[in-house]
Amino acid sequence: MNLQRQERLTSTAPRYNLAVPPNPLNHPLSQALRSELLAMREEDFRVRQELIDSGELGGEYAPRMERVHIKNAARLRELIEVHGWPAEDMAGQDGAEAAWLIVQHSVGEPHFQRHVLELLRACIAQGRVPAWHAAYLEDRIAMQEGRAQCYGSQWMDDTRDGRTRPWTLAEPDRVNELRASVGLGTLRPIPEPGPELPVKQQELQRQIYRWWEQFFVSKGWRS
């Protein structure tokens, strides 16, 4: 199971007209901020792929992956203290998305994710980032707290048949309406039930789920 799995974004992700005119990205400050954010995101991707290739990702939190997430979150906090949230007018579209990804992966830091959610909502109101940035983070926080999600962005492997399905939906009948409200497309089809996994494999999956539940308790997400 991979509790960090989420709906995959594509190049067709919705774009928004910014109410605030973007600053020229050839400004040295904007260039440096964007470059650093992209470098942190690339390190995350690189380590993640190496762990996938070695078979170390998909169960308990891989220590090497956790270290990258902790380091990136610590640096992003420092950047936020100096610059505020690195929105698109400050760091460009890809820089803002890199910052968003770093926060999404900060699964052991409740205060940080909740704080950034408020920053994102403020930036959305100003037209500085697209609404789906906050929607994904809102869903991630809900999952980590053990609550139902609104937008269906967080998916998990089912312990029964191993197929990937959305974490519990708060309003299944309205999920596509809610997604449209933040610029997301229709929820992709949810797989039908498949052949059950062998009993030992199901139990292994349940053990991994229990490990993550204890992780979220230990970090203060759940009581």
C-alpha atoms as a PDB file:
ATOM      1  CA  MET A   1       0.000   0.000   0.000  1.00  0.00           C
ATOM      2  CA  ASN A   2       1.132   3.529  -0.694  1.00  0.00           C
ATOM      3  CA  LEU A   3      -0.539   6.091   1.541  1.00  0.00           C
ATOM      4  CA  GLN A   4       1.137   8.868  -0.414  1.00  0.00           C
ATOM      5  CA  ARG A   5      -0.661   7.955  -3.640  1.00  0.00           C
ATOM      6  CA  GLN A   6      -2.875  10.626  -5.118  1.00  0.00           C
ATOM      7  CA  GLU A   7      -4.710  11.255  -8.327  1.00  0.00           C
ATOM      8  CA  ARG A   8      -2.168  11.854 -11.031  1.00  0.00           C
ATOM      9  CA  LEU A   9      -1.987  15.353 -12.476  1.00  0.00           C
ATOM     10  CA  THR A  10      -1.443  15.748 -16.201  1.00  0.00           C
ATOM     11  CA  SER A  11      -0.388  18.501 -18.532  1.00  0.00           C
ATOM     12  CA  THR A  12      -4.091  19.189 -19.077  1.00  0.00           C
ATOM     13  CA  ALA A  13      -4.586  20.331 -15.471  1.00  0.00           C
ATOM     14  CA  PRO A  14      -6.807  23.441 -15.473  1.00  0.00           C
ATOM     15  CA  ARG A  15      -5.225  26.869 -15.612  1.00  0.00           C
ATOM     16  CA  TYR A  16      -6.611  30.128 -14.296  1.00  0.00           C
ATOM     17  CA  ASN A  17      -6.302  33.768 -15.232  1.00  0.00           C
ATOM     18  CA  LEU A  18      -4.333  35.452 -12.494  1.00  0.00           C
ATOM     19  CA  ALA A  19      -5.885  38.530 -10.924  1.00  0.00           C
ATOM     20  CA  VAL A  20      -2.411  39.662  -9.895  1.00  0.00           C
ATOM     21  CA  PRO A  21      -0.081  40.292 -12.847  1.00  0.00           C
ATOM     22  CA  PRO A  22       2.923  37.967 -12.647  1.00  0.00           C
ATOM     23  CA  ASN A  23       6.280  39.425 -11.794  1.00  0.00           C
ATOM     24  CA  PRO A  24       8.904  38.968 -14.528  1.00  0.00           C
ATOM     25  CA  LEU A  25      10.582  35.633 -13.851  1.00  0.00           C
ATOM     26  CA  ASN A  26      13.878  36.999 -15.072  1.00  0.00           C
ATOM     27  CA  HIS A  27      14.089  38.893 -11.784  1.00  0.00           C
ATOM     28  CA  PRO A  28      17.027  37.391  -9.821  1.00  0.00           C
ATOM     29  CA  LEU A  29      14.897  36.751  -6.715  1.00  0.00           C
ATOM     30  CA  SER A  30      12.172  34.967  -8.691  1.00  0.00           C
ATOM     31  CA  GLN A  31      14.750  32.946 -10.597  1.00  0.00           C
ATOM     32  CA  ALA A  32      16.528  31.821  -7.444  1.00  0.00           C
ATOM     33  CA  LEU A  33      13.313  30.926  -5.617  1.00  0.00           C
ATOM     34  CA  ARG A  34      11.911  28.986  -8.562  1.00  0.00           C
ATOM     35  CA  SER A  35      15.182  27.149  -9.153  1.00  0.00           C
ATOM     36  CA  GLU A  36      15.448  26.063  -5.530  1.00  0.00           C
ATOM     37  CA  LEU A  37      11.861  24.810  -5.420  1.00  0.00           C
ATOM     38  CA  LEU A  38      12.331  22.842  -8.639  1.00  0.00           C
ATOM     39  CA  ALA A  39      15.552  21.324  -7.319  1.00  0.00           C
ATOM     40  CA  MET A  40      13.783  20.145  -4.153  1.00  0.00           C
ATOM     41  CA  ARG A  41      10.983  18.621  -6.204  1.00  0.00           C
ATOM     42  CA  GLU A  42      13.460  16.845  -8.471  1.00  0.00           C
ATOM     43  CA  GLU A  43      15.269  15.359  -5.481  1.00  0.00           C
ATOM     44  CA  ASP A  44      11.924  14.056  -4.213  1.00  0.00           C
ATOM     45  CA  PHE A  45      11.174  12.489  -7.603  1.00  0.00           C
ATOM     46  CA  ARG A  46      14.675  11.033  -7.950  1.00  0.00           C
ATOM     47  CA  VAL A  47      14.706   9.372  -4.540  1.00  0.00           C
ATOM     48  CA  ARG A  48      11.147   8.148  -4.995  1.00  0.00           C
ATOM     49  CA  GLN A  49      12.018   6.474  -8.302  1.00  0.00           C
ATOM     50  CA  GLU A  50      15.123   4.873  -6.821  1.00  0.00           C
ATOM     51  CA  LEU A  51      13.032   3.438  -3.989  1.00  0.00           C
ATOM     52  CA  ILE A  52      10.419   2.168  -6.441  1.00  0.00           C
ATOM     53  CA  ASP A  53      13.157   0.501  -8.498  1.00  0.00           C
ATOM     54  CA  SER A  54      14.597  -1.166  -5.392  1.00  0.00           C
ATOM     55  CA  GLY A  55      11.177  -2.318  -4.155  1.00  0.00           C
ATOM     56  CA  GLU A  56      11.406  -0.187  -0.991  1.00  0.00           C
ATOM     57  CA  LEU A  57       8.357   1.997  -1.625  1.00  0.00           C
ATOM     58  CA  GLY A  58       4.758   0.989  -1.076  1.00  0.00           C
ATOM     59  CA  GLY A  59       4.769  -0.252   2.496  1.00  0.00           C
ATOM     60  CA  GLU A  60       5.884   1.504   5.653  1.00  0.00           C
ATOM     61  CA  TYR A  61       7.406   4.970   5.289  1.00  0.00           C
ATOM     62  CA  ALA A  62      10.825   4.438   3.704  1.00  0.00           C
ATOM     63  CA  PRO A  63      13.342   6.234   5.987  1.00  0.00           C
ATOM     64  CA  ARG A  64      15.243   7.698   3.045  1.00  0.00           C
ATOM     65  CA  MET A  65      12.033   9.132   1.576  1.00  0.00           C
ATOM     66  CA  GLU A  66      11.004  10.519   4.946  1.00  0.00           C
ATOM     67  CA  ARG A  67      14.350  12.290   5.332  1.00  0.00           C
ATOM     68  CA  VAL A  68      13.898  14.019   1.967  1.00  0.00           C
ATOM     69  CA  HIS A  69      10.383  15.116   2.899  1.00  0.00           C
ATOM     70  CA  ILE A  70      11.496  16.466   6.278  1.00  0.00           C
ATOM     71  CA  LYS A  71      14.447  18.334   4.754  1.00  0.00           C
ATOM     72  CA  ASN A  72      12.363  19.859   1.956  1.00  0.00           C
ATOM     73  CA  ALA A  73       9.611  20.930   4.355  1.00  0.00           C
ATOM     74  CA  ALA A  74      12.130  22.578   6.675  1.00  0.00           C
ATOM     75  CA  ARG A  75      13.618  24.578   3.823  1.00  0.00           C
ATOM     76  CA  LEU A  76      10.199  25.538   2.457  1.00  0.00           C
ATOM     77  CA  ARG A  77       9.215  26.863   5.896  1.00  0.00           C
ATOM     78  CA  GLU A  78      12.286  29.105   5.797  1.00  0.00           C
ATOM     79  CA  LEU A  79      11.372  30.381   2.338  1.00  0.00           C
ATOM     80  CA  ILE A  80       7.797  31.079   3.436  1.00  0.00           C
ATOM     81  CA  GLU A  81       9.029  33.091   6.406  1.00  0.00           C
ATOM     82  CA  VAL A  82      11.003  35.323   4.041  1.00  0.00           C
ATOM     83  CA  HIS A  83       8.781  35.499   0.954  1.00  0.00           C
ATOM     84  CA  GLY A  84       5.333  34.293   1.976  1.00  0.00           C
ATOM     85  CA  TRP A  85       3.756  31.498  -0.043  1.00  0.00           C
ATOM     86  CA  PRO A  86       5.633  31.099  -3.376  1.00  0.00           C
ATOM     87  CA  ALA A  87       2.630  31.606  -5.625  1.00  0.00           C
ATOM     88  CA  GLU A  88       2.680  31.654  -9.428  1.00  0.00           C
ATOM     89  CA  ASP A  89       3.314  35.390  -9.644  1.00  0.00           C
ATOM     90  CA  MET A  90       6.403  34.886  -7.484  1.00  0.00           C
ATOM     91  CA  ALA A  91       7.832  31.503  -8.515  1.00  0.00           C
ATOM     92  CA  GLY A  92       6.112  30.726 -11.802  1.00  0.00           C
ATOM     93  CA  GLN A  93       3.597  27.947 -12.451  1.00  0.00           C
ATOM     94  CA  ASP A  94       6.110  25.130 -12.069  1.00  0.00           C
ATOM     95  CA  GLY A  95       7.726  26.690  -8.991  1.00  0.00           C
ATOM     96  CA  ALA A  96       4.350  27.095  -7.278  1.00  0.00           C
ATOM     97  CA  GLU A  97       3.450  23.493  -8.129  1.00  0.00           C
ATOM     98  CA  ALA A  98       6.807  22.323  -6.753  1.00  0.00           C
ATOM     99  CA  ALA A  99       6.092  24.082  -3.451  1.00  0.00           C
ATOM    100  CA  TRP A 100       2.626  22.517  -3.395  1.00  0.00           C
ATOM    101  CA  LEU A 101       4.111  19.045  -3.935  1.00  0.00           C
ATOM    102  CA  ILE A 102       6.609  19.520  -1.114  1.00  0.00           C
ATOM    103  CA  VAL A 103       3.756  20.325   1.246  1.00  0.00           C
ATOM    104  CA  GLN A 104       1.652  17.394  -0.011  1.00  0.00           C
ATOM    105  CA  HIS A 105       4.512  15.075   0.896  1.00  0.00           C
ATOM    106  CA  SER A 106       5.027  16.553   4.380  1.00  0.00           C
ATOM    107  CA  VAL A 107       2.825  13.822   5.824  1.00  0.00           C
ATOM    108  CA  GLY A 108       4.444  13.899   9.266  1.00  0.00           C
ATOM    109  CA  GLU A 109       3.848  17.620   9.866  1.00  0.00           C
ATOM    110  CA  PRO A 110       0.217  18.453  10.736  1.00  0.00           C
ATOM    111  CA  HIS A 111       0.829  22.064  11.782  1.00  0.00           C
ATOM    112  CA  PHE A 112       2.742  22.827   8.604  1.00  0.00           C
ATOM    113  CA  GLN A 113       0.147  21.348   6.254  1.00  0.00           C
ATOM    114  CA  ARG A 114      -2.747  23.047   8.037  1.00  0.00           C
ATOM    115  CA  HIS A 115      -0.914  26.376   8.004  1.00  0.00           C
ATOM    116  CA  VAL A 116      -0.143  26.096   4.297  1.00  0.00           C
ATOM    117  CA  LEU A 117      -3.780  25.261   3.557  1.00  0.00           C
ATOM    118  CA  GLU A 118      -4.724  28.659   4.972  1.00  0.00           C
ATOM    119  CA  LEU A 119      -1.982  30.354   2.930  1.00  0.00           C
ATOM    120  CA  LEU A 120      -3.206  28.633  -0.226  1.00  0.00           C
ATOM    121  CA  ARG A 121      -6.798  29.679   0.402  1.00  0.00           C
ATOM    122  CA  ALA A 122      -5.685  33.281   0.733  1.00  0.00           C
ATOM    123  CA  CYS A 123      -3.681  33.063  -2.497  1.00  0.00           C
ATOM    124  CA  ILE A 124      -6.637  31.491  -4.306  1.00  0.00           C
ATOM    125  CA  ALA A 125      -8.844  34.390  -3.225  1.00  0.00           C
ATOM    126  CA  GLN A 126      -6.273  36.725  -4.778  1.00  0.00           C
ATOM    127  CA  GLY A 127      -6.037  34.675  -7.988  1.00  0.00           C
ATOM    128  CA  ARG A 128      -2.402  33.763  -7.354  1.00  0.00           C
ATOM    129  CA  VAL A 129      -2.719  29.950  -7.445  1.00  0.00           C
ATOM    130  CA  PRO A 130      -5.387  27.615  -8.878  1.00  0.00           C
ATOM    131  CA  ALA A 131      -8.053  26.283  -6.538  1.00  0.00           C
ATOM    132  CA  TRP A 132      -7.035  22.650  -6.978  1.00  0.00           C
ATOM    133  CA  HIS A 133      -3.857  23.300  -4.972  1.00  0.00           C
ATOM    134  CA  ALA A 134      -5.933  23.740  -1.824  1.00  0.00           C
ATOM    135  CA  ALA A 135      -8.371  20.974  -2.820  1.00  0.00           C
ATOM    136  CA  TYR A 136      -5.639  18.341  -2.962  1.00  0.00           C
ATOM    137  CA  LEU A 137      -4.150  19.470   0.331  1.00  0.00           C
ATOM    138  CA  GLU A 138      -7.580  19.565   1.962  1.00  0.00           C
ATOM    139  CA  ASP A 139      -8.167  15.964   0.861  1.00  0.00           C
ATOM    140  CA  ARG A 140      -4.718  14.894   2.061  1.00  0.00           C
ATOM    141  CA  ILE A 141      -5.300  16.421   5.491  1.00  0.00           C
ATOM    142  CA  ALA A 142      -8.732  14.783   5.738  1.00  0.00           C
ATOM    143  CA  MET A 143      -7.258  11.369   4.939  1.00  0.00           C
ATOM    144  CA  GLN A 144      -4.476  11.762   7.472  1.00  0.00           C
ATOM    145  CA  GLU A 145      -7.000  12.822  10.110  1.00  0.00           C
ATOM    146  CA  GLY A 146      -9.153   9.803   9.261  1.00  0.00           C
ATOM    147  CA  ARG A 147     -11.979  11.880   7.758  1.00  0.00           C
ATOM    148  CA  ALA A 148     -13.733  11.531   4.417  1.00  0.00           C
ATOM    149  CA  GLN A 149     -12.321  13.572   1.531  1.00  0.00           C
ATOM    150  CA  CYS A 150     -14.273  16.012  -0.647  1.00  0.00           C
ATOM    151  CA  TYR A 151     -12.608  15.921  -4.066  1.00  0.00           C
ATOM    152  CA  GLY A 152     -11.465  12.322  -4.509  1.00  0.00           C
ATOM    153  CA  SER A 153      -7.803  13.190  -5.046  1.00  0.00           C
ATOM    154  CA  GLN A 154      -6.418  10.623  -2.575  1.00  0.00           C
ATOM    155  CA  TRP A 155      -6.399   6.987  -3.691  1.00  0.00           C
ATOM    156  CA  MET A 156      -5.319   3.860  -1.817  1.00  0.00           C
ATOM    157  CA  ASP A 157      -4.812   0.171  -2.522  1.00  0.00           C
ATOM    158  CA  ASP A 158      -7.750  -1.918  -1.322  1.00  0.00           C
ATOM    159  CA  THR A 159      -6.608  -4.663   1.056  1.00  0.00           C
ATOM    160  CA  ARG A 160      -9.130  -7.122  -0.391  1.00  0.00           C
ATOM    161  CA  ASP A 161      -8.216  -7.174  -4.076  1.00  0.00           C
ATOM    162  CA  GLY A 162      -5.242  -4.793  -4.307  1.00  0.00           C
ATOM    163  CA  ARG A 163      -7.007  -2.426  -6.693  1.00  0.00           C
ATOM    164  CA  THR A 164      -6.582   1.290  -6.157  1.00  0.00           C
ATOM    165  CA  ARG A 165      -9.706   3.215  -5.136  1.00  0.00           C
ATOM    166  CA  PRO A 166     -10.426   6.649  -3.640  1.00  0.00           C
ATOM    167  CA  TRP A 167     -10.138   7.165   0.096  1.00  0.00           C
ATOM    168  CA  THR A 168     -13.656   7.514   1.558  1.00  0.00           C
ATOM    169  CA  LEU A 169     -15.678  10.220  -0.229  1.00  0.00           C
ATOM    170  CA  ALA A 170     -17.672  12.679   1.875  1.00  0.00           C
ATOM    171  CA  GLU A 171     -20.331  13.168  -0.812  1.00  0.00           C
ATOM    172  CA  PRO A 172     -20.021  10.474  -3.487  1.00  0.00           C
ATOM    173  CA  ASP A 173     -23.049  11.747  -5.402  1.00  0.00           C
ATOM    174  CA  ARG A 174     -21.608  15.282  -5.578  1.00  0.00           C
ATOM    175  CA  VAL A 175     -17.920  14.517  -6.023  1.00  0.00           C
ATOM    176  CA  ASN A 176     -17.813  15.597  -9.673  1.00  0.00           C
ATOM    177  CA  GLU A 177     -19.707  18.795  -8.871  1.00  0.00           C
ATOM    178  CA  LEU A 178     -17.208  19.544  -6.114  1.00  0.00           C
ATOM    179  CA  ARG A 179     -14.290  18.749  -8.401  1.00  0.00           C
ATOM    180  CA  ALA A 180     -15.652  21.065 -11.079  1.00  0.00           C
ATOM    181  CA  SER A 181     -15.867  23.864  -8.513  1.00  0.00           C
ATOM    182  CA  VAL A 182     -12.064  23.768  -8.121  1.00  0.00           C
ATOM    183  CA  GLY A 183     -11.301  23.210 -11.794  1.00  0.00           C
ATOM    184  CA  LEU A 184     -10.774  19.445 -11.732  1.00  0.00           C
ATOM    185  CA  GLY A 185     -12.191  17.043 -14.296  1.00  0.00           C
ATOM    186  CA  THR A 186     -14.526  14.138 -13.674  1.00  0.00           C
ATOM    187  CA  LEU A 187     -13.317  11.500 -11.238  1.00  0.00           C
ATOM    188  CA  ARG A 188     -11.768   8.646 -13.134  1.00  0.00           C
ATOM    189  CA  PRO A 189     -13.686   5.341 -13.017  1.00  0.00           C
ATOM    190  CA  ILE A 190     -13.442   3.430  -9.756  1.00  0.00           C
ATOM    191  CA  PRO A 191     -12.442  -0.203 -10.386  1.00  0.00           C
ATOM    192  CA  GLU A 192     -15.049  -2.888  -9.876  1.00  0.00           C
ATOM    193  CA  PRO A 193     -14.275  -5.542  -7.232  1.00  0.00           C
ATOM    194  CA  GLY A 194     -11.686  -8.017  -8.476  1.00  0.00           C
ATOM    195  CA  PRO A 195     -10.495 -11.434  -7.337  1.00  0.00           C
ATOM    196  CA  GLU A 196      -9.476 -11.338  -3.696  1.00  0.00           C
ATOM    197  CA  LEU A 197      -5.797 -11.395  -2.839  1.00  0.00           C
ATOM    198  CA  PRO A 198      -4.381 -14.446  -1.073  1.00  0.00           C
ATOM    199  CA  VAL A 199      -5.111 -14.379   2.671  1.00  0.00           C
ATOM    200  CA  LYS A 200      -1.467 -13.806   3.630  1.00  0.00           C
ATOM    201  CA  GLN A 201      -1.173 -10.890   1.228  1.00  0.00           C
ATOM    202  CA  GLN A 202      -4.368  -9.336   2.584  1.00  0.00           C
ATOM    203  CA  GLU A 203      -3.012  -9.622   6.116  1.00  0.00           C
ATOM    204  CA  LEU A 204       0.276  -8.033   5.048  1.00  0.00           C
ATOM    205  CA  GLN A 205      -1.651  -5.129   3.547  1.00  0.00           C
ATOM    206  CA  ARG A 206      -3.663  -4.730   6.747  1.00  0.00           C
ATOM    207  CA  GLN A 207      -0.455  -4.689   8.786  1.00  0.00           C
ATOM    208  CA  ILE A 208       0.865  -1.881   6.627  1.00  0.00           C
ATOM    209  CA  TYR A 209      -2.392   0.051   7.089  1.00  0.00           C
ATOM    210  CA  ARG A 210      -2.097  -0.367  10.846  1.00  0.00           C
ATOM    211  CA  TRP A 211       1.486   0.878  10.704  1.00  0.00           C
ATOM    212  CA  TRP A 212       0.357   4.064   8.930  1.00  0.00           C
ATOM    213  CA  GLU A 213      -2.527   4.547  11.333  1.00  0.00           C
ATOM    214  CA  GLN A 214      -0.065   4.465  14.230  1.00  0.00           C
ATOM    215  CA  PHE A 215       2.224   6.825  12.337  1.00  0.00           C
ATOM    216  CA  PHE A 216      -0.584   9.362  11.979  1.00  0.00           C
ATOM    217  CA  VAL A 217      -1.422   9.012  15.674  1.00  0.00           C
ATOM    218  CA  SER A 218       2.240   9.503  16.625  1.00  0.00           C
ATOM    219  CA  LYS A 219       2.463  12.693  14.551  1.00  0.00           C
ATOM    220  CA  GLY A 220      -0.702  14.191  16.038  1.00  0.00           C
ATOM    221  CA  TRP A 221      -3.042  13.730  13.081  1.00  0.00           C
ATOM    222  CA  ARG A 222      -5.335  11.402  14.987  1.00  0.00           C
ATOM    223  CA  SER A 223      -6.031  10.626  18.642  1.00  0.00           C
END
